[in-house]
Amino acid sequence: MNQRKSSANSLLEAPSFRVGRPQFTMLTKNPVKAKHKLIDFFYQFGEKFFPSQIPQNWWIGVSIESSQFTGRIDELRNIPTNNRFVSFEPLLKSVTSEDFPLDLTGIKQVIIGAQTNPSIEVTPEMVQPIGKACQDAHNIPMFCKDSMPMWAVRRELVWPLHKSSERPE
């Protein structure tokens, strides 16, 4: 029995079984309201839990469906956190125009996804500006969900400014 207990303890002490700090993800369509809710949530635990920004194990993101909602990215930048992400899903229309280029400054991760049962087909013209904006903002990691067409998942047309040998992974 002691040998069994001993081997169980050593197994739990192995690095792959150690539990690290939990990670929390918050995705919202209303970052202004989310900011106030988060501040209230952390403030109730006292100043030591909310010095000047949301803890490092929290990721805060906004959902963008089309260019009509890209203002949410600016509102996301007003939330006091270092871990911001943008989820372009379901991607219904282009998120850029000549008058309003996509600015992803301060964003750490981008997710792109289509509708689950698509009534609107995602096109390269909708995805390429997002890939370019990721590249312009220092190669932000971009994840294409399985709901995306295969050309987007393989990034054949997403990174048009890179040669295939230079394409970011």
C-alpha atoms as a PDB file:
ATOM      1  CA  MET A   1       0.000   0.000   0.000  1.00  0.00           C
ATOM      2  CA  ASN A   2       2.827   2.424   0.833  1.00  0.00           C
ATOM      3  CA  GLN A   3       4.510   1.660  -2.469  1.00  0.00           C
ATOM      4  CA  ARG A   4       1.268   2.406  -4.352  1.00  0.00           C
ATOM      5  CA  LYS A   5       0.836   5.677  -2.422  1.00  0.00           C
ATOM      6  CA  SER A   6       4.468   6.591  -3.071  1.00  0.00           C
ATOM      7  CA  SER A   7       4.207   6.029  -6.829  1.00  0.00           C
ATOM      8  CA  ALA A   8       0.958   8.035  -6.939  1.00  0.00           C
ATOM      9  CA  ASN A   9       2.635  10.951  -5.164  1.00  0.00           C
ATOM     10  CA  SER A  10       5.600  10.935  -7.529  1.00  0.00           C
ATOM     11  CA  LEU A  11       3.236  10.803 -10.488  1.00  0.00           C
ATOM     12  CA  LEU A  12       1.325  13.835  -9.188  1.00  0.00           C
ATOM     13  CA  GLU A  13       4.585  15.686  -8.682  1.00  0.00           C
ATOM     14  CA  ALA A  14       5.612  15.171 -12.310  1.00  0.00           C
ATOM     15  CA  PRO A  15       5.592  18.484 -14.243  1.00  0.00           C
ATOM     16  CA  SER A  16       2.826  17.337 -16.603  1.00  0.00           C
ATOM     17  CA  PHE A  17       0.443  16.807 -13.664  1.00  0.00           C
ATOM     18  CA  ARG A  18       1.109  20.025 -11.792  1.00  0.00           C
ATOM     19  CA  VAL A  19      -1.765  22.431 -11.883  1.00  0.00           C
ATOM     20  CA  GLY A  20      -0.749  25.933 -12.856  1.00  0.00           C
ATOM     21  CA  ARG A  21      -2.655  29.117 -12.451  1.00  0.00           C
ATOM     22  CA  PRO A  22      -6.082  28.781 -14.095  1.00  0.00           C
ATOM     23  CA  GLN A  23      -6.662  30.784 -17.274  1.00  0.00           C
ATOM     24  CA  PHE A  24      -9.896  32.731 -17.761  1.00  0.00           C
ATOM     25  CA  THR A  25     -11.335  33.923 -21.059  1.00  0.00           C
ATOM     26  CA  MET A  26     -14.069  36.503 -21.464  1.00  0.00           C
ATOM     27  CA  LEU A  27     -15.578  37.128 -24.904  1.00  0.00           C
ATOM     28  CA  THR A  28     -18.101  39.944 -25.215  1.00  0.00           C
ATOM     29  CA  LYS A  29     -19.990  42.057 -27.727  1.00  0.00           C
ATOM     30  CA  ASN A  30     -20.190  44.907 -25.207  1.00  0.00           C
ATOM     31  CA  PRO A  31     -16.686  45.738 -23.936  1.00  0.00           C
ATOM     32  CA  VAL A  32     -17.814  48.918 -22.145  1.00  0.00           C
ATOM     33  CA  LYS A  33     -20.229  46.974 -19.940  1.00  0.00           C
ATOM     34  CA  ALA A  34     -17.678  44.167 -19.511  1.00  0.00           C
ATOM     35  CA  LYS A  35     -15.046  46.648 -18.304  1.00  0.00           C
ATOM     36  CA  HIS A  36     -17.313  47.931 -15.544  1.00  0.00           C
ATOM     37  CA  LYS A  37     -18.356  44.402 -14.528  1.00  0.00           C
ATOM     38  CA  LEU A  38     -14.722  43.250 -14.365  1.00  0.00           C
ATOM     39  CA  ILE A  39     -13.609  46.254 -12.332  1.00  0.00           C
ATOM     40  CA  ASP A  40     -16.498  45.697  -9.894  1.00  0.00           C
ATOM     41  CA  PHE A  41     -15.677  41.978  -9.710  1.00  0.00           C
ATOM     42  CA  PHE A  42     -11.992  42.496  -8.876  1.00  0.00           C
ATOM     43  CA  TYR A  43     -12.595  45.508  -6.639  1.00  0.00           C
ATOM     44  CA  GLN A  44     -14.777  43.469  -4.277  1.00  0.00           C
ATOM     45  CA  PHE A  45     -11.666  41.428  -3.403  1.00  0.00           C
ATOM     46  CA  GLY A  46      -9.764  44.567  -2.415  1.00  0.00           C
ATOM     47  CA  GLU A  47      -6.987  46.652  -3.928  1.00  0.00           C
ATOM     48  CA  LYS A  48      -4.369  43.872  -3.714  1.00  0.00           C
ATOM     49  CA  PHE A  49      -6.336  41.853  -6.285  1.00  0.00           C
ATOM     50  CA  PHE A  50      -6.812  44.783  -8.636  1.00  0.00           C
ATOM     51  CA  PRO A  51      -3.775  47.072  -8.511  1.00  0.00           C
ATOM     52  CA  SER A  52      -3.988  48.769 -11.909  1.00  0.00           C
ATOM     53  CA  GLN A  53      -5.043  46.098 -14.372  1.00  0.00           C
ATOM     54  CA  ILE A  54      -6.793  42.778 -14.729  1.00  0.00           C
ATOM     55  CA  PRO A  55      -4.543  39.846 -13.686  1.00  0.00           C
ATOM     56  CA  GLN A  56      -2.298  38.169 -16.269  1.00  0.00           C
ATOM     57  CA  ASN A  57      -4.310  34.936 -16.289  1.00  0.00           C
ATOM     58  CA  TRP A  58      -7.364  36.690 -17.768  1.00  0.00           C
ATOM     59  CA  TRP A  59      -7.880  37.066 -21.546  1.00  0.00           C
ATOM     60  CA  ILE A  60     -10.502  39.606 -22.611  1.00  0.00           C
ATOM     61  CA  GLY A  61     -11.867  39.633 -26.168  1.00  0.00           C
ATOM     62  CA  VAL A  62     -14.515  41.089 -28.417  1.00  0.00           C
ATOM     63  CA  SER A  63     -16.554  39.522 -31.175  1.00  0.00           C
ATOM     64  CA  ILE A  64     -16.614  41.293 -34.560  1.00  0.00           C
ATOM     65  CA  GLU A  65     -18.988  40.223 -37.345  1.00  0.00           C
ATOM     66  CA  SER A  66     -18.450  43.042 -39.869  1.00  0.00           C
ATOM     67  CA  SER A  67     -16.998  46.554 -40.269  1.00  0.00           C
ATOM     68  CA  GLN A  68     -20.048  47.910 -38.450  1.00  0.00           C
ATOM     69  CA  PHE A  69     -18.650  46.547 -35.171  1.00  0.00           C
ATOM     70  CA  THR A  70     -14.885  47.250 -35.420  1.00  0.00           C
ATOM     71  CA  GLY A  71     -15.288  50.085 -32.886  1.00  0.00           C
ATOM     72  CA  ARG A  72     -15.416  47.346 -30.266  1.00  0.00           C
ATOM     73  CA  ILE A  73     -11.652  46.926 -30.742  1.00  0.00           C
ATOM     74  CA  ASP A  74     -11.052  50.517 -29.576  1.00  0.00           C
ATOM     75  CA  GLU A  75     -13.335  49.901 -26.584  1.00  0.00           C
ATOM     76  CA  LEU A  76     -11.378  46.698 -25.824  1.00  0.00           C
ATOM     77  CA  ARG A  77      -8.151  48.731 -25.659  1.00  0.00           C
ATOM     78  CA  ASN A  78      -9.712  50.746 -22.801  1.00  0.00           C
ATOM     79  CA  ILE A  79      -9.941  47.658 -20.604  1.00  0.00           C
ATOM     80  CA  PRO A  80      -6.897  47.541 -18.280  1.00  0.00           C
ATOM     81  CA  THR A  81      -5.393  44.211 -19.347  1.00  0.00           C
ATOM     82  CA  ASN A  82      -2.354  42.958 -21.253  1.00  0.00           C
ATOM     83  CA  ASN A  83      -4.181  40.000 -22.807  1.00  0.00           C
ATOM     84  CA  ARG A  84      -6.618  41.116 -25.497  1.00  0.00           C
ATOM     85  CA  PHE A  85      -7.991  39.087 -28.396  1.00  0.00           C
ATOM     86  CA  VAL A  86     -10.434  39.634 -31.243  1.00  0.00           C
ATOM     87  CA  SER A  87     -12.771  36.963 -32.526  1.00  0.00           C
ATOM     88  CA  PHE A  88     -13.992  37.624 -36.072  1.00  0.00           C
ATOM     89  CA  GLU A  89     -16.897  35.230 -35.930  1.00  0.00           C
ATOM     90  CA  PRO A  90     -19.183  34.630 -37.429  1.00  0.00           C
ATOM     91  CA  LEU A  91     -17.479  36.606 -40.178  1.00  0.00           C
ATOM     92  CA  LEU A  92     -20.441  37.919 -42.179  1.00  0.00           C
ATOM     93  CA  LYS A  93     -18.955  40.842 -44.147  1.00  0.00           C
ATOM     94  CA  SER A  94     -15.628  42.536 -44.698  1.00  0.00           C
ATOM     95  CA  VAL A  95     -14.254  44.203 -41.578  1.00  0.00           C
ATOM     96  CA  THR A  96     -12.355  46.921 -43.438  1.00  0.00           C
ATOM     97  CA  SER A  97     -12.949  49.646 -45.978  1.00  0.00           C
ATOM     98  CA  GLU A  98     -10.732  52.240 -47.674  1.00  0.00           C
ATOM     99  CA  ASP A  99     -11.841  54.837 -45.114  1.00  0.00           C
ATOM    100  CA  PHE A 100     -11.445  52.543 -42.099  1.00  0.00           C
ATOM    101  CA  PRO A 101      -8.429  50.196 -42.170  1.00  0.00           C
ATOM    102  CA  LEU A 102      -8.295  47.531 -39.472  1.00  0.00           C
ATOM    103  CA  ASP A 103      -5.985  48.450 -36.575  1.00  0.00           C
ATOM    104  CA  LEU A 104      -5.025  45.558 -34.288  1.00  0.00           C
ATOM    105  CA  THR A 105      -2.471  47.419 -32.178  1.00  0.00           C
ATOM    106  CA  GLY A 106      -2.443  46.050 -28.634  1.00  0.00           C
ATOM    107  CA  ILE A 107      -4.138  42.772 -29.609  1.00  0.00           C
ATOM    108  CA  LYS A 108      -2.338  39.472 -28.834  1.00  0.00           C
ATOM    109  CA  GLN A 109      -4.496  36.913 -30.664  1.00  0.00           C
ATOM    110  CA  VAL A 110      -7.001  36.810 -33.540  1.00  0.00           C
ATOM    111  CA  ILE A 111      -9.601  34.117 -34.203  1.00  0.00           C
ATOM    112  CA  ILE A 112     -11.542  33.829 -37.458  1.00  0.00           C
ATOM    113  CA  GLY A 113     -14.611  31.667 -37.895  1.00  0.00           C
ATOM    114  CA  ALA A 114     -17.542  31.273 -40.254  1.00  0.00           C
ATOM    115  CA  GLN A 115     -21.163  30.510 -39.471  1.00  0.00           C
ATOM    116  CA  THR A 116     -21.779  26.940 -38.352  1.00  0.00           C
ATOM    117  CA  ASN A 117     -24.411  26.355 -41.043  1.00  0.00           C
ATOM    118  CA  PRO A 118     -23.320  29.067 -43.457  1.00  0.00           C
ATOM    119  CA  SER A 119     -25.844  31.182 -45.255  1.00  0.00           C
ATOM    120  CA  ILE A 120     -22.984  33.572 -46.067  1.00  0.00           C
ATOM    121  CA  GLU A 121     -19.812  32.107 -47.592  1.00  0.00           C
ATOM    122  CA  VAL A 122     -16.512  33.518 -46.314  1.00  0.00           C
ATOM    123  CA  THR A 123     -14.374  34.803 -49.198  1.00  0.00           C
ATOM    124  CA  PRO A 124     -10.641  35.543 -49.465  1.00  0.00           C
ATOM    125  CA  GLU A 125     -11.525  39.241 -49.799  1.00  0.00           C
ATOM    126  CA  MET A 126     -13.042  39.107 -46.309  1.00  0.00           C
ATOM    127  CA  VAL A 127     -10.098  37.290 -44.700  1.00  0.00           C
ATOM    128  CA  GLN A 128      -7.038  38.832 -46.407  1.00  0.00           C
ATOM    129  CA  PRO A 129      -7.390  42.276 -44.735  1.00  0.00           C
ATOM    130  CA  ILE A 130      -7.446  40.565 -41.334  1.00  0.00           C
ATOM    131  CA  GLY A 131      -4.258  38.655 -42.196  1.00  0.00           C
ATOM    132  CA  LYS A 132      -2.612  41.884 -43.365  1.00  0.00           C
ATOM    133  CA  ALA A 133      -3.671  43.704 -40.181  1.00  0.00           C
ATOM    134  CA  CYS A 134      -2.183  40.864 -38.091  1.00  0.00           C
ATOM    135  CA  GLN A 135       1.048  41.168 -40.060  1.00  0.00           C
ATOM    136  CA  ASP A 136       1.093  44.977 -39.739  1.00  0.00           C
ATOM    137  CA  ALA A 137       0.670  44.676 -35.962  1.00  0.00           C
ATOM    138  CA  HIS A 138       3.867  42.600 -35.577  1.00  0.00           C
ATOM    139  CA  ASN A 139       2.591  39.191 -36.743  1.00  0.00           C
ATOM    140  CA  ILE A 140      -0.238  38.629 -34.285  1.00  0.00           C
ATOM    141  CA  PRO A 141      -1.051  34.894 -34.105  1.00  0.00           C
ATOM    142  CA  MET A 142      -4.167  34.113 -36.118  1.00  0.00           C
ATOM    143  CA  PHE A 143      -6.283  31.006 -35.631  1.00  0.00           C
ATOM    144  CA  CYS A 144      -8.794  29.895 -38.296  1.00  0.00           C
ATOM    145  CA  LYS A 145     -11.551  27.682 -36.924  1.00  0.00           C
ATOM    146  CA  ASP A 146     -12.611  24.462 -38.601  1.00  0.00           C
ATOM    147  CA  SER A 147     -15.754  26.180 -39.871  1.00  0.00           C
ATOM    148  CA  MET A 148     -13.588  28.184 -42.277  1.00  0.00           C
ATOM    149  CA  PRO A 149     -12.991  27.072 -45.874  1.00  0.00           C
ATOM    150  CA  MET A 150      -9.878  24.932 -46.312  1.00  0.00           C
ATOM    151  CA  TRP A 151      -7.979  27.701 -48.149  1.00  0.00           C
ATOM    152  CA  ALA A 152      -8.207  29.847 -45.003  1.00  0.00           C
ATOM    153  CA  VAL A 153      -7.266  27.058 -42.624  1.00  0.00           C
ATOM    154  CA  ARG A 154      -4.155  26.325 -44.726  1.00  0.00           C
ATOM    155  CA  ARG A 155      -3.554  30.107 -45.002  1.00  0.00           C
ATOM    156  CA  GLU A 156      -2.998  29.911 -48.746  1.00  0.00           C
ATOM    157  CA  LEU A 157      -4.601  33.280 -49.366  1.00  0.00           C
ATOM    158  CA  VAL A 158      -4.521  34.790 -45.899  1.00  0.00           C
ATOM    159  CA  TRP A 159      -0.888  35.893 -45.908  1.00  0.00           C
ATOM    160  CA  PRO A 160      -0.557  37.297 -49.448  1.00  0.00           C
ATOM    161  CA  LEU A 161       2.479  39.439 -48.628  1.00  0.00           C
ATOM    162  CA  HIS A 162       4.649  36.499 -47.559  1.00  0.00           C
ATOM    163  CA  LYS A 163       6.393  34.059 -49.827  1.00  0.00           C
ATOM    164  CA  SER A 164       5.434  30.517 -48.899  1.00  0.00           C
ATOM    165  CA  SER A 165       8.826  29.966 -47.238  1.00  0.00           C
ATOM    166  CA  GLU A 166       8.347  33.108 -45.073  1.00  0.00           C
ATOM    167  CA  ARG A 167       4.730  32.490 -44.108  1.00  0.00           C
ATOM    168  CA  PRO A 168       4.257  32.729 -40.314  1.00  0.00           C
ATOM    169  CA  GLU A 169       3.098  29.553 -38.582  1.00  0.00           C
END
